[in-house]
């Protein structure tokens, strides 16, 4: 679903991203996912502020 980043980085990002944990959000039907990704992918996602993940558009933030 992230053709734009894959074209820019010139490789598939799907197998580079790992779901560390998922937690229920404060609102019903909302979840917080913690993902692990290589620095170049994480920087690209943070720059965009949102990504398409698992057929859903999600907002991206860092806790570092």
N, C-alpha and C. Protein backbone atom coordinates (compact mmCIF):
# COMPACT_ATOMS: atom_id res chain seq x y z
N UNK A 1 0.81 -1.21 0.00
CA UNK A 1 0.00 0.00 0.00
C UNK A 1 0.85 1.26 0.00
N UNK A 2 2.14 1.16 0.17
CA UNK A 2 2.99 2.34 0.23
C UNK A 2 3.90 2.40 -0.99
N UNK A 3 3.28 2.48 -2.14
CA UNK A 3 4.03 2.49 -3.39
C UNK A 3 4.98 3.67 -3.49
N UNK A 4 4.58 4.80 -2.95
CA UNK A 4 5.40 6.01 -3.03
C UNK A 4 6.74 5.83 -2.31
N UNK A 5 6.72 5.30 -1.10
CA UNK A 5 7.98 5.10 -0.36
C UNK A 5 8.81 4.00 -1.02
N UNK A 6 8.15 2.95 -1.51
CA UNK A 6 8.89 1.88 -2.15
C UNK A 6 9.58 2.36 -3.42
N UNK A 7 8.94 3.25 -4.16
CA UNK A 7 9.56 3.81 -5.35
C UNK A 7 10.75 4.70 -4.97
N UNK A 8 10.61 5.47 -3.89
CA UNK A 8 11.68 6.37 -3.47
C UNK A 8 12.88 5.60 -2.91
N UNK A 9 12.62 4.57 -2.10
CA UNK A 9 13.71 3.81 -1.48
C UNK A 9 14.19 2.67 -2.37
N UNK A 10 13.40 2.32 -3.35
CA UNK A 10 13.74 1.29 -4.34
C UNK A 10 13.81 -0.12 -3.73
N UNK A 11 12.96 -0.39 -2.74
CA UNK A 11 12.80 -1.75 -2.21
C UNK A 11 11.46 -1.85 -1.48
N UNK A 12 11.00 -3.08 -1.25
CA UNK A 12 9.75 -3.33 -0.55
C UNK A 12 9.91 -3.06 0.94
N UNK A 13 9.03 -2.26 1.49
CA UNK A 13 9.12 -1.94 2.92
C UNK A 13 8.29 -2.89 3.78
N UNK A 14 7.41 -3.65 3.16
CA UNK A 14 6.49 -4.51 3.91
C UNK A 14 7.21 -5.48 4.83
N UNK A 15 8.25 -6.11 4.34
CA UNK A 15 8.95 -7.10 5.17
C UNK A 15 9.96 -6.47 6.11
N UNK A 16 10.11 -5.15 6.07
CA UNK A 16 11.07 -4.44 6.94
C UNK A 16 10.40 -3.87 8.19
N UNK A 17 9.06 -3.85 8.22
CA UNK A 17 8.32 -3.26 9.33
C UNK A 17 7.80 -4.37 10.24
N UNK A 18 8.02 -4.22 11.54
CA UNK A 18 7.60 -5.22 12.51
C UNK A 18 6.62 -4.58 13.50
N UNK A 19 5.51 -5.25 13.74
CA UNK A 19 4.57 -4.80 14.77
C UNK A 19 5.10 -5.28 16.11
N UNK A 20 5.42 -4.34 16.99
CA UNK A 20 5.94 -4.66 18.32
C UNK A 20 4.80 -4.96 19.27
N UNK A 21 3.78 -4.10 19.28
CA UNK A 21 2.62 -4.30 20.16
C UNK A 21 1.45 -3.48 19.65
N UNK A 22 0.26 -3.88 20.04
CA UNK A 22 -0.97 -3.13 19.77
C UNK A 22 -1.70 -2.95 21.09
N UNK A 23 -2.23 -1.75 21.31
CA UNK A 23 -2.98 -1.46 22.53
C UNK A 23 -4.26 -0.75 22.17
N UNK A 24 -5.30 -0.95 22.98
CA UNK A 24 -6.55 -0.24 22.77
C UNK A 24 -6.35 1.25 23.01
N UNK A 25 -6.99 2.07 22.18
CA UNK A 25 -6.92 3.52 22.34
C UNK A 25 -7.93 4.00 23.36
N UNK A 26 -7.96 5.28 23.57
CA UNK A 26 -8.88 5.87 24.54
C UNK A 26 -10.32 5.87 24.02
N UNK A 27 -10.48 5.90 22.69
CA UNK A 27 -11.80 5.91 22.08
C UNK A 27 -12.11 4.52 21.53
N UNK A 28 -13.42 4.16 21.51
CA UNK A 28 -13.80 2.87 20.93
C UNK A 28 -13.33 2.77 19.47
N UNK A 29 -12.98 1.61 19.05
CA UNK A 29 -12.53 1.32 17.68
C UNK A 29 -11.22 2.01 17.32
N UNK A 30 -10.48 2.46 18.30
CA UNK A 30 -9.16 3.07 18.06
C UNK A 30 -8.10 2.20 18.70
N UNK A 31 -6.95 2.09 18.03
CA UNK A 31 -5.84 1.31 18.55
C UNK A 31 -4.56 2.10 18.40
N UNK A 32 -3.63 1.84 19.28
CA UNK A 32 -2.27 2.38 19.17
C UNK A 32 -1.35 1.22 18.84
N UNK A 33 -0.61 1.34 17.75
CA UNK A 33 0.32 0.31 17.33
C UNK A 33 1.73 0.85 17.49
N UNK A 34 2.61 0.03 18.01
CA UNK A 34 4.02 0.38 18.07
C UNK A 34 4.72 -0.47 17.03
N UNK A 35 5.35 0.20 16.07
CA UNK A 35 6.03 -0.47 14.97
C UNK A 35 7.53 -0.25 15.08
N UNK A 36 8.26 -1.19 14.56
CA UNK A 36 9.71 -1.06 14.47
C UNK A 36 10.08 -1.09 12.99
N UNK A 37 10.89 -0.11 12.58
CA UNK A 37 11.28 0.00 11.17
C UNK A 37 12.70 0.55 11.09
N UNK A 38 13.40 0.26 9.99
CA UNK A 38 14.72 0.84 9.79
C UNK A 38 14.65 2.37 9.76
N UNK A 39 15.73 3.05 10.11
CA UNK A 39 15.72 4.52 10.20
C UNK A 39 15.22 5.23 8.95
N UNK A 40 15.61 4.79 7.76
CA UNK A 40 15.19 5.49 6.55
C UNK A 40 13.68 5.38 6.33
N UNK A 41 13.08 4.25 6.72
CA UNK A 41 11.63 4.10 6.60
C UNK A 41 10.93 4.93 7.67
N UNK A 42 11.41 4.86 8.91
CA UNK A 42 10.81 5.63 10.00
C UNK A 42 10.85 7.12 9.70
N UNK A 43 11.96 7.62 9.20
CA UNK A 43 12.07 9.05 8.87
C UNK A 43 11.08 9.44 7.79
N UNK A 44 10.93 8.57 6.79
CA UNK A 44 10.00 8.85 5.69
C UNK A 44 8.57 8.90 6.22
N UNK A 45 8.20 7.93 7.07
CA UNK A 45 6.85 7.91 7.64
C UNK A 45 6.59 9.14 8.50
N UNK A 46 7.55 9.52 9.33
CA UNK A 46 7.39 10.69 10.19
C UNK A 46 7.27 11.97 9.38
N UNK A 47 8.01 12.05 8.29
CA UNK A 47 7.93 13.23 7.42
C UNK A 47 6.54 13.37 6.82
N UNK A 48 5.93 12.25 6.43
CA UNK A 48 4.60 12.26 5.85
C UNK A 48 3.51 12.51 6.89
N UNK A 49 3.70 11.96 8.09
CA UNK A 49 2.71 12.13 9.14
C UNK A 49 1.58 11.13 9.10
N UNK A 50 1.45 10.41 7.99
CA UNK A 50 0.45 9.35 7.88
C UNK A 50 0.91 8.36 6.83
N UNK A 51 0.47 7.10 6.99
CA UNK A 51 0.84 6.05 6.05
C UNK A 51 -0.36 5.14 5.84
N UNK A 52 -0.29 4.34 4.82
CA UNK A 52 -1.28 3.29 4.60
C UNK A 52 -0.70 2.01 5.16
N UNK A 53 -1.38 1.44 6.15
CA UNK A 53 -0.88 0.25 6.82
C UNK A 53 -2.03 -0.73 6.99
N UNK A 54 -1.86 -1.93 6.48
CA UNK A 54 -2.87 -2.97 6.61
C UNK A 54 -4.23 -2.49 6.11
N UNK A 55 -4.24 -1.86 4.93
CA UNK A 55 -5.43 -1.35 4.27
C UNK A 55 -6.14 -0.22 5.03
N UNK A 56 -5.43 0.41 5.96
CA UNK A 56 -5.99 1.51 6.74
C UNK A 56 -5.00 2.67 6.72
N UNK A 57 -5.50 3.89 6.60
CA UNK A 57 -4.64 5.06 6.73
C UNK A 57 -4.45 5.36 8.21
N UNK A 58 -3.19 5.46 8.63
CA UNK A 58 -2.88 5.69 10.04
C UNK A 58 -1.99 6.92 10.19
N UNK A 59 -2.07 7.56 11.34
CA UNK A 59 -1.23 8.71 11.65
C UNK A 59 0.03 8.22 12.34
N UNK A 60 1.11 8.89 12.08
CA UNK A 60 2.43 8.45 12.57
C UNK A 60 2.98 9.49 13.54
N UNK A 61 3.52 9.02 14.65
CA UNK A 61 4.19 9.87 15.62
C UNK A 61 5.31 9.07 16.25
N UNK A 62 6.23 9.75 16.87
CA UNK A 62 7.32 9.07 17.55
C UNK A 62 7.21 9.32 19.04
N UNK A 63 7.72 8.37 19.81
CA UNK A 63 7.74 8.56 21.27
C UNK A 63 9.16 8.69 21.77
N UNK A 64 10.10 8.89 20.88
CA UNK A 64 11.51 9.01 21.25
C UNK A 64 11.84 10.45 21.52
